[in-house]
Every structure is written in structure tokens, then in C-alpha cells.
Amino acid sequence: MSPVVIKTTGFENYANAEGQQTWVKCLIMGEHGVGKTPSAAQWPKPLIIDSEKGLMSVARMKVPYIEISGTTPTADMEEAIKWAVIDSRKAPANRQCETLIIDTIDTYQRKAMQERMRLMQKDRFSGWEDWGWLDGKFVWLMEQLLNYNGNVVVNMHVKDTEDDDGDKKILVKKNRLKGDINNTVYQDFDLIGLMDQDYQAGEGDQESR
């Protein structure tokens, strides 16, 4: 009889043909409060780049984070990414981070747009110069994330919208991003998931679930 072999799950089990660890690039969508942040914080050696100031759900987990301010969000993001890239070049045992978490990308975009309007002294985001500036910032960010030497989890809010499907309207969930990235954000991720919550009325002992 062969001996029982007990193994432990881990991302290190997923290596390429050369035996090198493969990193996962993951996009998680969901409405506010469904658990995107606690879920992402379970990944190996997480570091949250926080645009929301909404980390109460992971307070007990003591997860390291970098805060993106409302005054200089694009500069804060660039510095955070540059720090993470430098950290990723260290020996595995010396790395502070193996999973980079963007929480959330749409909140960061909103802060970036507000920053642009303040700098340009405008009360409206409009024109090819504004949208070109925003697209440039996000092209750079996505390139950095997808080429990062580690896991990446990008959290993103969605909203319910109605689409026409012939004779009837159907409810669909769409991301809250604006500009070109609204359509291109789905490209190149290894894993794309939707987190949702459901409520159903019941009776008796199962009055709700």
C-alpha cells in the first residue's frame, strides 16, 4: 500500500514548464459591500493600494496598505507602483509583497478625474485633452500591473443597468469606469470574477436567507 501524501495548497503549485512560479492577474467585480476587499486580502503577502479609505472589513487582518490621497492621486499611485516594482526584484524571502491589490480602480479613476479638473481649473471633465490625459494614466497603470512580478488583484465596482434584448429589457451589470478603459479593462487578465449577494424571502424558520 502506498503511503498517504498530504499536501498544502498554494500558488507555488502552479509553475510553468521551467519550474518557475506563475503569477495570477485577477479582476474582481462587484457592488459595494459584497466582500471584494476581504477576499483579496487572503492572497499571499498582500499589499492594498487603497483609494477608498474603506478598509474596516480587513482591520483585524493587519494588512499593509498604501493610501491614495484625494489631492495627488496620480502621483501617489505612481509612487506606490514604483515601490512595488522595486520590492518585486528582491529575493522571495525578502519581499514585503507578493500580491498587489488595487481597491478600487474606479474610485481611483474618479479621484484622478477630480485632480485633473482642479489642476485645469475646470468644473467639467471634457475634451480630447482631458480624456487623452486620463487614457495615458490608465494605459501606464495597466501595463505596470500586467507586467508586475507578482500576483495582482484589481477590484472594481459594477452598477445595474437595463439593456434591450429584443422585446424585453434585461438587467446587466456594467463596470463604473469611464473612457476607453471601460471596454479594455477586461483584456489580458488570467481570471475575471463577479462577486454578488442575493436575498430571498422565505417562510417559517427560513424567513430570509
N, C-alpha and C. Protein backbone atom coordinates (compact mmCIF):
# COMPACT_ATOMS: atom_id res chain seq x y z
N MET A 1 0.84 -1.19 0.00
CA MET A 1 0.00 0.00 0.00
C MET A 1 0.87 1.24 0.00
N SER A 2 0.53 2.19 -0.87
CA SER A 2 1.30 3.42 -0.94
C SER A 2 0.98 4.32 0.25
N PRO A 3 2.00 5.04 0.77
CA PRO A 3 1.74 5.93 1.90
C PRO A 3 0.87 7.11 1.47
N VAL A 4 0.09 7.63 2.40
CA VAL A 4 -0.76 8.80 2.14
C VAL A 4 0.12 10.04 2.10
N VAL A 5 -0.04 10.83 1.07
CA VAL A 5 0.72 12.08 0.92
C VAL A 5 -0.23 13.24 1.12
N ILE A 6 0.04 14.04 2.13
CA ILE A 6 -0.78 15.22 2.41
C ILE A 6 -0.02 16.45 1.92
N LYS A 7 -0.66 17.21 1.06
CA LYS A 7 -0.04 18.41 0.51
C LYS A 7 -0.78 19.65 1.01
N THR A 8 -0.20 20.79 0.77
CA THR A 8 -0.81 22.06 1.15
C THR A 8 -1.02 22.91 -0.09
N THR A 9 -2.20 23.47 -0.23
CA THR A 9 -2.48 24.30 -1.40
C THR A 9 -1.65 25.57 -1.36
N GLY A 10 -1.34 26.09 -2.52
CA GLY A 10 -0.58 27.33 -2.62
C GLY A 10 -0.32 27.69 -4.06
N PHE A 11 -0.10 28.95 -4.31
CA PHE A 11 0.14 29.40 -5.67
C PHE A 11 1.46 28.85 -6.22
N GLU A 12 2.36 28.45 -5.31
CA GLU A 12 3.62 27.89 -5.77
C GLU A 12 3.43 26.55 -6.48
N ASN A 13 2.25 25.95 -6.34
CA ASN A 13 1.96 24.69 -7.03
C ASN A 13 1.75 24.89 -8.53
N TYR A 14 1.54 26.13 -8.92
CA TYR A 14 1.25 26.40 -10.33
C TYR A 14 2.49 27.02 -10.97
N ALA A 15 3.34 26.17 -11.47
CA ALA A 15 4.59 26.62 -12.07
C ALA A 15 4.56 26.36 -13.57
N ASN A 16 5.39 27.11 -14.28
CA ASN A 16 5.45 26.88 -15.73
C ASN A 16 6.39 25.71 -16.04
N ALA A 17 6.64 25.48 -17.31
CA ALA A 17 7.43 24.31 -17.73
C ALA A 17 8.85 24.35 -17.19
N GLU A 18 9.36 25.56 -16.92
CA GLU A 18 10.73 25.69 -16.41
C GLU A 18 10.77 25.60 -14.88
N GLY A 19 9.62 25.36 -14.26
CA GLY A 19 9.58 25.26 -12.81
C GLY A 19 9.49 26.59 -12.11
N GLN A 20 9.31 27.68 -12.86
CA GLN A 20 9.20 28.99 -12.25
C GLN A 20 7.75 29.25 -11.85
N GLN A 21 7.59 29.92 -10.72
CA GLN A 21 6.24 30.21 -10.26
C GLN A 21 5.53 31.15 -11.23
N THR A 22 4.28 30.86 -11.48
CA THR A 22 3.48 31.74 -12.32
C THR A 22 2.63 32.64 -11.44
N TRP A 23 2.48 33.87 -11.85
CA TRP A 23 1.70 34.84 -11.09
C TRP A 23 0.34 35.02 -11.74
N VAL A 24 -0.67 35.28 -10.92
CA VAL A 24 -2.04 35.40 -11.39
C VAL A 24 -2.45 36.87 -11.43
N LYS A 25 -3.02 37.29 -12.55
CA LYS A 25 -3.56 38.64 -12.70
C LYS A 25 -5.08 38.53 -12.69
N CYS A 26 -5.72 39.11 -11.70
CA CYS A 26 -7.13 38.84 -11.43
C CYS A 26 -7.94 40.14 -11.36
N LEU A 27 -9.09 40.16 -12.01
CA LEU A 27 -10.03 41.28 -11.96
C LEU A 27 -11.30 40.79 -11.27
N ILE A 28 -11.65 41.43 -10.15
CA ILE A 28 -12.85 41.05 -9.40
C ILE A 28 -13.83 42.21 -9.39
N MET A 29 -15.04 41.94 -9.87
CA MET A 29 -16.08 42.96 -9.95
C MET A 29 -17.16 42.68 -8.90
N GLY A 30 -17.84 43.72 -8.48
CA GLY A 30 -18.93 43.53 -7.53
C GLY A 30 -19.39 44.86 -6.97
N GLU A 31 -20.61 44.87 -6.46
CA GLU A 31 -21.14 46.06 -5.84
C GLU A 31 -20.47 46.31 -4.49
N HIS A 32 -20.71 47.47 -3.94
CA HIS A 32 -20.13 47.83 -2.64
C HIS A 32 -20.62 46.85 -1.57
N GLY A 33 -19.68 46.35 -0.76
CA GLY A 33 -20.04 45.54 0.39
C GLY A 33 -20.18 44.05 0.15
N VAL A 34 -19.84 43.55 -1.05
CA VAL A 34 -20.01 42.11 -1.31
C VAL A 34 -18.82 41.29 -0.83
N GLY A 35 -17.71 41.94 -0.45
CA GLY A 35 -16.56 41.21 0.08
C GLY A 35 -15.34 41.18 -0.81
N LYS A 36 -15.24 42.12 -1.73
CA LYS A 36 -14.07 42.14 -2.63
C LYS A 36 -12.77 42.33 -1.86
N THR A 37 -12.75 43.27 -0.93
CA THR A 37 -11.52 43.56 -0.20
C THR A 37 -11.10 42.42 0.72
N PRO A 38 -12.00 41.87 1.56
CA PRO A 38 -11.58 40.73 2.40
C PRO A 38 -11.12 39.54 1.57
N SER A 39 -11.75 39.31 0.43
CA SER A 39 -11.34 38.20 -0.42
C SER A 39 -9.93 38.42 -0.96
N ALA A 40 -9.65 39.62 -1.44
CA ALA A 40 -8.33 39.91 -1.99
C ALA A 40 -7.26 39.83 -0.91
N ALA A 41 -7.61 40.20 0.31
CA ALA A 41 -6.63 40.21 1.41
C ALA A 41 -6.19 38.81 1.82
N GLN A 42 -6.84 37.77 1.30
CA GLN A 42 -6.46 36.39 1.61
C GLN A 42 -5.31 35.90 0.72
N TRP A 43 -4.96 36.67 -0.31
CA TRP A 43 -3.89 36.24 -1.21
C TRP A 43 -2.53 36.34 -0.51
N PRO A 44 -1.49 35.68 -1.04
CA PRO A 44 -0.18 35.68 -0.38
C PRO A 44 0.44 37.07 -0.26
N LYS A 45 0.95 37.40 0.90
CA LYS A 45 1.64 38.66 1.18
C LYS A 45 0.98 39.84 0.47
N PRO A 46 -0.25 40.17 0.85
CA PRO A 46 -0.97 41.24 0.15
C PRO A 46 -0.51 42.63 0.54
N LEU A 47 -0.60 43.54 -0.41
CA LEU A 47 -0.43 44.96 -0.17
C LEU A 47 -1.57 45.67 -0.88
N ILE A 48 -2.37 46.41 -0.14
CA ILE A 48 -3.52 47.10 -0.72
C ILE A 48 -3.13 48.53 -1.08
N ILE A 49 -3.38 48.89 -2.33
CA ILE A 49 -3.29 50.30 -2.74
C ILE A 49 -4.71 50.83 -2.64
N ASP A 50 -4.95 51.60 -1.59
CA ASP A 50 -6.31 51.94 -1.16
C ASP A 50 -6.73 53.33 -1.63
N SER A 51 -7.72 53.36 -2.51
CA SER A 51 -8.27 54.63 -2.97
C SER A 51 -9.55 55.01 -2.23
N GLU A 52 -10.08 54.10 -1.42
CA GLU A 52 -11.42 54.29 -0.88
C GLU A 52 -11.47 54.72 0.58
N LYS A 53 -10.37 54.53 1.32
CA LYS A 53 -10.40 54.71 2.77
C LYS A 53 -11.51 53.85 3.36
N GLY A 54 -11.59 52.61 2.87
CA GLY A 54 -12.65 51.72 3.32
C GLY A 54 -12.10 50.36 3.66
N LEU A 55 -11.21 50.29 4.65
CA LEU A 55 -10.55 49.02 4.99
C LEU A 55 -11.02 48.43 6.32
N MET A 56 -12.18 48.88 6.80
CA MET A 56 -12.70 48.35 8.06
C MET A 56 -12.91 46.84 7.99
N SER A 57 -13.27 46.34 6.81
CA SER A 57 -13.56 44.91 6.67
C SER A 57 -12.32 44.05 6.84
N VAL A 58 -11.12 44.64 6.75
CA VAL A 58 -9.89 43.86 6.92
C VAL A 58 -9.05 44.38 8.08
N ALA A 59 -9.66 45.21 8.94
CA ALA A 59 -8.91 45.81 10.05
C ALA A 59 -8.28 44.74 10.95
N ARG A 60 -9.00 43.66 11.21
CA ARG A 60 -8.50 42.62 12.11
C ARG A 60 -7.37 41.80 11.47
N MET A 61 -7.22 41.92 10.15
CA MET A 61 -6.24 41.10 9.45
C MET A 61 -4.86 41.75 9.38
N LYS A 62 -4.76 43.02 9.78
CA LYS A 62 -3.48 43.72 9.81
C LYS A 62 -2.79 43.69 8.43
N VAL A 63 -3.52 44.04 7.40
CA VAL A 63 -2.99 44.02 6.04
C VAL A 63 -2.27 45.34 5.76
N PRO A 64 -1.03 45.31 5.26
CA PRO A 64 -0.34 46.56 4.91
C PRO A 64 -1.03 47.24 3.73
N TYR A 65 -1.01 48.56 3.73
CA TYR A 65 -1.63 49.29 2.63
C TYR A 65 -0.94 50.62 2.39
N ILE A 66 -1.12 51.12 1.19
CA ILE A 66 -0.66 52.45 0.80
C ILE A 66 -1.89 53.26 0.44
N GLU A 67 -2.03 54.43 1.03
CA GLU A 67 -3.23 55.24 0.81
C GLU A 67 -3.06 56.18 -0.37
N ILE A 68 -4.05 56.20 -1.25
CA ILE A 68 -4.09 57.14 -2.37
C ILE A 68 -4.92 58.33 -1.93
N SER A 69 -4.31 59.50 -1.89
CA SER A 69 -4.99 60.68 -1.38
C SER A 69 -5.96 61.25 -2.41
N GLY A 70 -6.77 62.17 -1.96
CA GLY A 70 -7.69 62.84 -2.86
C GLY A 70 -7.10 64.06 -3.52
N THR A 71 -5.91 64.47 -3.08
CA THR A 71 -5.30 65.68 -3.64
C THR A 71 -4.28 65.37 -4.73
N THR A 72 -3.48 64.33 -4.53
CA THR A 72 -2.47 63.96 -5.54
C THR A 72 -2.56 62.47 -5.88
N PRO A 73 -3.71 62.00 -6.33
CA PRO A 73 -3.90 60.56 -6.53
C PRO A 73 -2.98 59.95 -7.59
N THR A 74 -2.75 60.64 -8.70
CA THR A 74 -1.93 60.03 -9.76
C THR A 74 -0.47 59.93 -9.34
N ALA A 75 0.03 60.95 -8.64
CA ALA A 75 1.41 60.89 -8.13
C ALA A 75 1.52 59.80 -7.06
N ASP A 76 0.53 59.69 -6.19
CA ASP A 76 0.54 58.65 -5.16
C ASP A 76 0.55 57.26 -5.78
N MET A 77 -0.27 57.07 -6.83
CA MET A 77 -0.34 55.77 -7.48
C MET A 77 0.99 55.43 -8.15
N GLU A 78 1.58 56.40 -8.82
CA GLU A 78 2.85 56.13 -9.50
C GLU A 78 3.94 55.77 -8.50
N GLU A 79 3.99 56.46 -7.36
CA GLU A 79 4.99 56.15 -6.34
C GLU A 79 4.75 54.76 -5.74
N ALA A 80 3.48 54.42 -5.51
CA ALA A 80 3.15 53.11 -4.95
C ALA A 80 3.56 51.99 -5.90
N ILE A 81 3.28 52.16 -7.19
CA ILE A 81 3.62 51.14 -8.17
C ILE A 81 5.14 51.01 -8.29
N LYS A 82 5.83 52.13 -8.32
CA LYS A 82 7.29 52.09 -8.42
C LYS A 82 7.90 51.38 -7.22
N TRP A 83 7.36 51.64 -6.02
CA TRP A 83 7.86 50.95 -4.82
C TRP A 83 7.63 49.45 -4.95
N ALA A 84 6.44 49.05 -5.42
CA ALA A 84 6.12 47.63 -5.56
C ALA A 84 7.02 46.94 -6.57
N VAL A 85 7.36 47.63 -7.65
CA VAL A 85 8.26 47.07 -8.67
C VAL A 85 9.64 46.84 -8.08
N ILE A 86 10.14 47.80 -7.32
CA ILE A 86 11.46 47.66 -6.68
C ILE A 86 11.44 46.48 -5.70
N ASP A 87 10.36 46.39 -4.91
CA ASP A 87 10.23 45.29 -3.95
C ASP A 87 10.19 43.94 -4.66
N SER A 88 9.58 43.90 -5.85
CA SER A 88 9.43 42.63 -6.58
C SER A 88 10.76 42.09 -7.11
N ARG A 89 11.79 42.93 -7.13
CA ARG A 89 13.09 42.50 -7.62
C ARG A 89 13.94 41.85 -6.53
N LYS A 90 13.47 41.86 -5.30
CA LYS A 90 14.22 41.28 -4.19
C LYS A 90 14.07 39.76 -4.19
N ALA A 91 14.93 39.11 -3.45
CA ALA A 91 14.81 37.66 -3.26
C ALA A 91 13.46 37.36 -2.63
N PRO A 92 12.83 36.23 -2.98
CA PRO A 92 11.49 35.92 -2.47
C PRO A 92 11.34 36.07 -0.96
N ALA A 93 12.34 35.64 -0.20
CA ALA A 93 12.24 35.70 1.26
C ALA A 93 12.26 37.13 1.79
N ASN A 94 12.81 38.04 1.00
CA ASN A 94 12.95 39.44 1.45
C ASN A 94 11.84 40.35 0.94
N ARG A 95 10.97 39.83 0.12
CA ARG A 95 9.90 40.65 -0.42
C ARG A 95 8.85 40.97 0.64
N GLN A 96 8.36 42.20 0.63
CA GLN A 96 7.28 42.58 1.54
C GLN A 96 5.92 42.29 0.92
N CYS A 97 5.90 42.12 -0.38
CA CYS A 97 4.63 41.97 -1.08
C CYS A 97 4.74 40.93 -2.19
N GLU A 98 3.73 40.06 -2.28
CA GLU A 98 3.63 39.14 -3.40
C GLU A 98 2.32 39.33 -4.17
N THR A 99 1.38 40.05 -3.56
CA THR A 99 0.09 40.33 -4.21
C THR A 99 -0.23 41.80 -4.08
N LEU A 100 -0.35 42.46 -5.21
CA LEU A 100 -0.68 43.88 -5.27
C LEU A 100 -2.17 44.01 -5.52
N ILE A 101 -2.85 44.75 -4.65
CA ILE A 101 -4.31 44.88 -4.72
C ILE A 101 -4.68 46.33 -5.00
N ILE A 102 -5.43 46.57 -6.06
CA ILE A 102 -5.96 47.91 -6.36
C ILE A 102 -7.40 47.94 -5.87
N ASP A 103 -7.69 48.80 -4.92
CA ASP A 103 -9.00 48.80 -4.28
C ASP A 103 -9.55 50.24 -4.17
N THR A 104 -10.38 50.62 -5.06
CA THR A 104 -10.83 50.00 -6.29
C THR A 104 -10.36 50.87 -7.47
N ILE A 105 -10.33 50.29 -8.66
CA ILE A 105 -9.79 51.02 -9.80
C ILE A 105 -10.72 52.13 -10.24
N ASP A 106 -12.02 51.96 -10.09
CA ASP A 106 -12.95 53.02 -10.50
C ASP A 106 -12.94 54.20 -9.53
N THR A 107 -12.71 53.91 -8.24
CA THR A 107 -12.58 55.01 -7.28
C THR A 107 -11.32 55.80 -7.56
N TYR A 108 -10.24 55.10 -7.88
CA TYR A 108 -9.01 55.80 -8.26
C TYR A 108 -9.23 56.66 -9.50
N GLN A 109 -9.96 56.15 -10.48
CA GLN A 109 -10.22 56.93 -11.69
C GLN A 109 -10.99 58.21 -11.36
N ARG A 110 -11.99 58.08 -10.50
CA ARG A 110 -12.76 59.26 -10.13
C ARG A 110 -11.89 60.31 -9.45
N LYS A 111 -10.98 59.88 -8.59
CA LYS A 111 -10.07 60.82 -7.93
C LYS A 111 -9.13 61.45 -8.95
N ALA A 112 -8.67 60.66 -9.92
CA ALA A 112 -7.78 61.20 -10.94
C ALA A 112 -8.49 62.26 -11.78
N MET A 113 -9.74 62.03 -12.12
CA MET A 113 -10.51 63.00 -12.90
C MET A 113 -10.72 64.29 -12.11
N GLN A 114 -10.98 64.16 -10.83
CA GLN A 114 -11.16 65.34 -9.98
C GLN A 114 -9.85 66.12 -9.87
N GLU A 115 -8.73 65.40 -9.79
CA GLU A 115 -7.42 66.05 -9.76
C GLU A 115 -7.18 66.85 -11.03
N ARG A 116 -7.50 66.26 -12.16
CA ARG A 116 -7.32 66.95 -13.44
C ARG A 116 -8.16 68.22 -13.51
N MET A 117 -9.40 68.16 -13.06
CA MET A 117 -10.27 69.33 -13.10
C MET A 117 -9.75 70.44 -12.19
N ARG A 118 -9.20 70.06 -11.04
CA ARG A 118 -8.62 71.08 -10.15
C ARG A 118 -7.42 71.74 -10.79
N LEU A 119 -6.54 70.93 -11.38
CA LEU A 119 -5.32 71.47 -11.99
C LEU A 119 -5.64 72.39 -13.16
N MET A 120 -6.66 72.03 -13.94
CA MET A 120 -7.03 72.81 -15.11
C MET A 120 -8.06 73.88 -14.80
N GLN A 121 -8.45 73.94 -13.52
CA GLN A 121 -9.45 74.92 -13.06
C GLN A 121 -10.73 74.84 -13.90
N LYS A 122 -11.23 73.62 -14.01
CA LYS A 122 -12.45 73.36 -14.77
C LYS A 122 -13.49 72.72 -13.85
N ASP A 123 -14.74 72.92 -14.17
CA ASP A 123 -15.80 72.28 -13.40
C ASP A 123 -16.40 71.10 -14.14
N ARG A 124 -15.80 70.74 -15.29
CA ARG A 124 -16.30 69.62 -16.08
C ARG A 124 -15.15 68.92 -16.78
N PHE A 125 -15.19 67.60 -16.78
CA PHE A 125 -14.17 66.80 -17.46
C PHE A 125 -14.63 66.59 -18.89
N SER A 126 -13.93 67.22 -19.83
CA SER A 126 -14.39 67.14 -21.22
C SER A 126 -13.25 67.47 -22.18
N GLY A 127 -13.43 67.09 -23.44
CA GLY A 127 -12.44 67.43 -24.47
C GLY A 127 -11.38 66.35 -24.62
N TRP A 128 -10.78 66.31 -25.81
CA TRP A 128 -9.80 65.26 -26.09
C TRP A 128 -8.56 65.36 -25.22
N GLU A 129 -8.21 66.59 -24.76
CA GLU A 129 -7.03 66.73 -23.91
C GLU A 129 -7.25 66.05 -22.55
N ASP A 130 -8.43 66.26 -21.96
CA ASP A 130 -8.74 65.63 -20.67
C ASP A 130 -8.80 64.11 -20.81
N TRP A 131 -9.53 63.62 -21.81
CA TRP A 131 -9.67 62.17 -21.96
C TRP A 131 -8.36 61.52 -22.40
N GLY A 132 -7.57 62.23 -23.20
CA GLY A 132 -6.25 61.71 -23.57
C GLY A 132 -5.33 61.61 -22.37
N TRP A 133 -5.39 62.61 -21.50
CA TRP A 133 -4.60 62.58 -20.27
C TRP A 133 -4.99 61.38 -19.41
N LEU A 134 -6.30 61.17 -19.24
CA LEU A 134 -6.79 60.07 -18.42
C LEU A 134 -6.41 58.72 -19.04
N ASP A 135 -6.59 58.58 -20.35
CA ASP A 135 -6.24 57.32 -21.01
C ASP A 135 -4.75 57.01 -20.85
N GLY A 136 -3.91 58.06 -20.94
CA GLY A 136 -2.48 57.85 -20.77
C GLY A 136 -2.14 57.33 -19.38
N LYS A 137 -2.79 57.89 -18.36
CA LYS A 137 -2.55 57.44 -16.99
C LYS A 137 -2.93 55.98 -16.81
N PHE A 138 -4.03 55.57 -17.43
CA PHE A 138 -4.51 54.20 -17.23
C PHE A 138 -3.80 53.20 -18.13
N VAL A 139 -3.34 53.61 -19.29
CA VAL A 139 -2.51 52.73 -20.10
C VAL A 139 -1.24 52.38 -19.34
N TRP A 140 -0.62 53.39 -18.73
CA TRP A 140 0.59 53.17 -17.94
C TRP A 140 0.29 52.24 -16.76
N LEU A 141 -0.80 52.50 -16.04
CA LEU A 141 -1.13 51.70 -14.86
C LEU A 141 -1.36 50.25 -15.24
N MET A 142 -2.13 50.00 -16.29
CA MET A 142 -2.43 48.62 -16.67
C MET A 142 -1.17 47.90 -17.15
N GLU A 143 -0.30 48.58 -17.85
CA GLU A 143 0.96 47.96 -18.28
C GLU A 143 1.79 47.54 -17.07
N GLN A 144 1.86 48.41 -16.08
CA GLN A 144 2.62 48.11 -14.87
C GLN A 144 2.03 46.91 -14.13
N LEU A 145 0.72 46.88 -14.01
CA LEU A 145 0.07 45.80 -13.26
C LEU A 145 0.22 44.46 -13.97
N LEU A 146 0.01 44.45 -15.27
CA LEU A 146 0.05 43.19 -16.01
C LEU A 146 1.47 42.64 -16.16
N ASN A 147 2.48 43.52 -16.04
CA ASN A 147 3.87 43.08 -16.12
C ASN A 147 4.54 42.94 -14.75
N TYR A 148 3.77 43.19 -13.70
CA TYR A 148 4.30 43.13 -12.34
C TYR A 148 4.72 41.70 -11.99
N ASN A 149 5.87 41.56 -11.34
CA ASN A 149 6.41 40.25 -10.97
C ASN A 149 5.78 39.77 -9.67
N GLY A 150 4.49 39.51 -9.73
CA GLY A 150 3.74 39.06 -8.57
C GLY A 150 2.27 38.94 -8.94
N ASN A 151 1.47 38.53 -7.97
CA ASN A 151 0.03 38.46 -8.21
C ASN A 151 -0.56 39.87 -8.20
N VAL A 152 -1.63 40.05 -8.96
CA VAL A 152 -2.35 41.32 -8.99
C VAL A 152 -3.84 41.03 -8.85
N VAL A 153 -4.50 41.75 -7.93
CA VAL A 153 -5.95 41.69 -7.81
C VAL A 153 -6.47 43.11 -7.97
N VAL A 154 -7.27 43.33 -9.01
CA VAL A 154 -7.88 44.63 -9.25
C VAL A 154 -9.36 44.53 -8.90
N ASN A 155 -9.78 45.27 -7.89
CA ASN A 155 -11.19 45.31 -7.51
C ASN A 155 -11.89 46.45 -8.26
N MET A 156 -13.13 46.20 -8.67
CA MET A 156 -13.86 47.19 -9.46
C MET A 156 -15.35 47.12 -9.14
N HIS A 157 -15.96 48.28 -8.94
CA HIS A 157 -17.40 48.33 -8.71
C HIS A 157 -18.18 48.16 -10.00
N VAL A 158 -19.37 47.61 -9.87
CA VAL A 158 -20.28 47.50 -11.00
C VAL A 158 -21.60 48.19 -10.65
N LYS A 159 -22.41 48.44 -11.67
CA LYS A 159 -23.73 49.03 -11.47
C LYS A 159 -24.74 48.26 -12.31
N ASP A 160 -25.99 48.24 -11.85
CA ASP A 160 -27.06 47.58 -12.59
C ASP A 160 -27.59 48.52 -13.66
N THR A 161 -27.67 48.03 -14.89
CA THR A 161 -28.24 48.80 -15.99
C THR A 161 -29.18 47.90 -16.78
N GLU A 162 -30.08 48.53 -17.54
CA GLU A 162 -31.02 47.77 -18.36
C GLU A 162 -30.59 47.82 -19.81
N ASP A 163 -30.57 46.66 -20.45
CA ASP A 163 -30.27 46.56 -21.87
C ASP A 163 -31.46 45.97 -22.59
N ASP A 164 -31.67 46.42 -23.82
CA ASP A 164 -32.74 45.85 -24.64
C ASP A 164 -32.32 44.51 -25.21
N ASP A 165 -33.18 43.52 -25.07
CA ASP A 165 -32.94 42.20 -25.64
C ASP A 165 -34.18 41.81 -26.45
N GLY A 166 -34.29 42.41 -27.62
CA GLY A 166 -35.45 42.16 -28.45
C GLY A 166 -36.69 42.82 -27.89
N ASP A 167 -37.63 42.00 -27.45
CA ASP A 167 -38.91 42.52 -26.96
C ASP A 167 -38.90 42.87 -25.48
N LYS A 168 -37.81 42.58 -24.78
CA LYS A 168 -37.81 42.84 -23.35
C LYS A 168 -36.48 43.43 -22.91
N LYS A 169 -36.51 44.02 -21.73
CA LYS A 169 -35.30 44.59 -21.15
C LYS A 169 -34.70 43.59 -20.17
N ILE A 170 -33.40 43.50 -20.16
CA ILE A 170 -32.72 42.61 -19.22
C ILE A 170 -31.78 43.43 -18.33
N LEU A 171 -31.63 42.97 -17.11
CA LEU A 171 -30.76 43.64 -16.15
C LEU A 171 -29.34 43.11 -16.29
N VAL A 172 -28.39 43.99 -16.52
CA VAL A 172 -26.99 43.58 -16.65
C VAL A 172 -26.14 44.42 -15.71
N LYS A 173 -24.98 43.89 -15.37
CA LYS A 173 -24.04 44.61 -14.51
C LYS A 173 -22.89 45.13 -15.37
N LYS A 174 -22.65 46.43 -15.29
CA LYS A 174 -21.58 47.05 -16.06
C LYS A 174 -20.61 47.75 -15.11
N ASN A 175 -19.36 47.84 -15.54
CA ASN A 175 -18.37 48.48 -14.68
C ASN A 175 -18.59 49.99 -14.64
N ARG A 176 -18.01 50.62 -13.63
CA ARG A 176 -18.22 52.05 -13.40
C ARG A 176 -17.11 52.92 -13.99
N LEU A 177 -16.25 52.32 -14.81
CA LEU A 177 -15.16 53.09 -15.41
C LEU A 177 -15.66 53.95 -16.56
N LYS A 178 -14.93 55.01 -16.83
CA LYS A 178 -15.25 55.91 -17.94
C LYS A 178 -14.08 55.93 -18.92
N GLY A 179 -14.37 56.32 -20.17
CA GLY A 179 -13.31 56.42 -21.17
C GLY A 179 -13.02 55.09 -21.82
N ASP A 180 -11.90 55.03 -22.54
CA ASP A 180 -11.53 53.83 -23.29
C ASP A 180 -11.36 52.60 -22.41
N ILE A 181 -10.88 52.80 -21.18
CA ILE A 181 -10.63 51.65 -20.31
C ILE A 181 -11.91 50.93 -19.93
N ASN A 182 -13.05 51.59 -20.09
CA ASN A 182 -14.33 50.95 -19.82
C ASN A 182 -14.47 49.64 -20.58
N ASN A 183 -13.94 49.60 -21.81
CA ASN A 183 -14.02 48.39 -22.63
C ASN A 183 -12.76 47.54 -22.60
N THR A 184 -11.60 48.17 -22.40
CA THR A 184 -10.34 47.45 -22.50
C THR A 184 -9.87 46.84 -21.18
N VAL A 185 -10.51 47.20 -20.06
CA VAL A 185 -10.04 46.73 -18.76
C VAL A 185 -10.07 45.20 -18.66
N TYR A 186 -10.90 44.54 -19.44
CA TYR A 186 -11.04 43.09 -19.35
C TYR A 186 -9.92 42.34 -20.06
N GLN A 187 -9.11 43.03 -20.82
CA GLN A 187 -8.08 42.36 -21.61
C GLN A 187 -6.92 41.89 -20.72
N ASP A 188 -6.40 40.72 -21.04
CA ASP A 188 -5.13 40.22 -20.52
C ASP A 188 -5.16 39.68 -19.09
N PHE A 189 -6.28 39.78 -18.37
CA PHE A 189 -6.33 39.18 -17.04
C PHE A 189 -6.45 37.66 -17.15
N ASP A 190 -5.81 36.95 -16.23
CA ASP A 190 -5.91 35.49 -16.20
C ASP A 190 -7.25 35.03 -15.66
N LEU A 191 -7.81 35.83 -14.76
CA LEU A 191 -9.03 35.44 -14.07
C LEU A 191 -9.92 36.67 -13.91
N ILE A 192 -11.18 36.55 -14.30
CA ILE A 192 -12.16 37.62 -14.13
C ILE A 192 -13.35 37.04 -13.39
N GLY A 193 -13.74 37.67 -12.28
CA GLY A 193 -14.84 37.14 -11.48
C GLY A 193 -15.82 38.22 -11.08
N LEU A 194 -17.05 37.80 -10.82
CA LEU A 194 -18.10 38.69 -10.34
C LEU A 194 -18.57 38.19 -8.99
N MET A 195 -18.47 39.05 -7.96
CA MET A 195 -18.99 38.73 -6.65
C MET A 195 -20.35 39.38 -6.50
N ASP A 196 -21.30 38.62 -5.99
CA ASP A 196 -22.66 39.13 -5.88
C ASP A 196 -23.27 38.65 -4.57
N GLN A 197 -24.34 39.28 -4.17
CA GLN A 197 -25.07 38.83 -3.00
C GLN A 197 -26.54 38.72 -3.37
N ASP A 198 -27.21 37.80 -2.71
CA ASP A 198 -28.60 37.51 -3.07
C ASP A 198 -29.44 37.47 -1.82
N TYR A 199 -30.67 37.93 -1.95
CA TYR A 199 -31.62 37.88 -0.84
C TYR A 199 -32.91 37.28 -1.34
N GLN A 200 -33.42 36.30 -0.61
CA GLN A 200 -34.69 35.68 -0.97
C GLN A 200 -35.57 35.59 0.26
N ALA A 201 -36.81 36.03 0.10
CA ALA A 201 -37.76 35.92 1.20
C ALA A 201 -38.19 34.48 1.37
N GLY A 202 -38.37 34.05 2.62
CA GLY A 202 -38.79 32.68 2.89
C GLY A 202 -39.95 32.66 3.88
N GLU A 203 -40.22 31.49 4.40
CA GLU A 203 -41.31 31.33 5.34
C GLU A 203 -40.82 30.52 6.54
N GLY A 204 -41.46 30.74 7.68
CA GLY A 204 -41.16 29.96 8.88
C GLY A 204 -39.72 30.14 9.32
N ASP A 205 -39.03 29.01 9.53
CA ASP A 205 -37.64 29.04 10.00
C ASP A 205 -36.70 29.63 8.98
N GLN A 206 -37.12 29.66 7.72
CA GLN A 206 -36.29 30.21 6.65
C GLN A 206 -36.91 31.52 6.13
N GLU A 207 -37.18 32.40 7.08
CA GLU A 207 -37.86 33.65 6.74
C GLU A 207 -37.05 34.49 5.77
N SER A 208 -35.72 34.39 5.85
CA SER A 208 -34.85 35.10 4.90
C SER A 208 -33.54 34.36 4.80
N ARG A 209 -32.87 34.53 3.68
CA ARG A 209 -31.53 33.94 3.53
C ARG A 209 -30.74 34.75 2.50
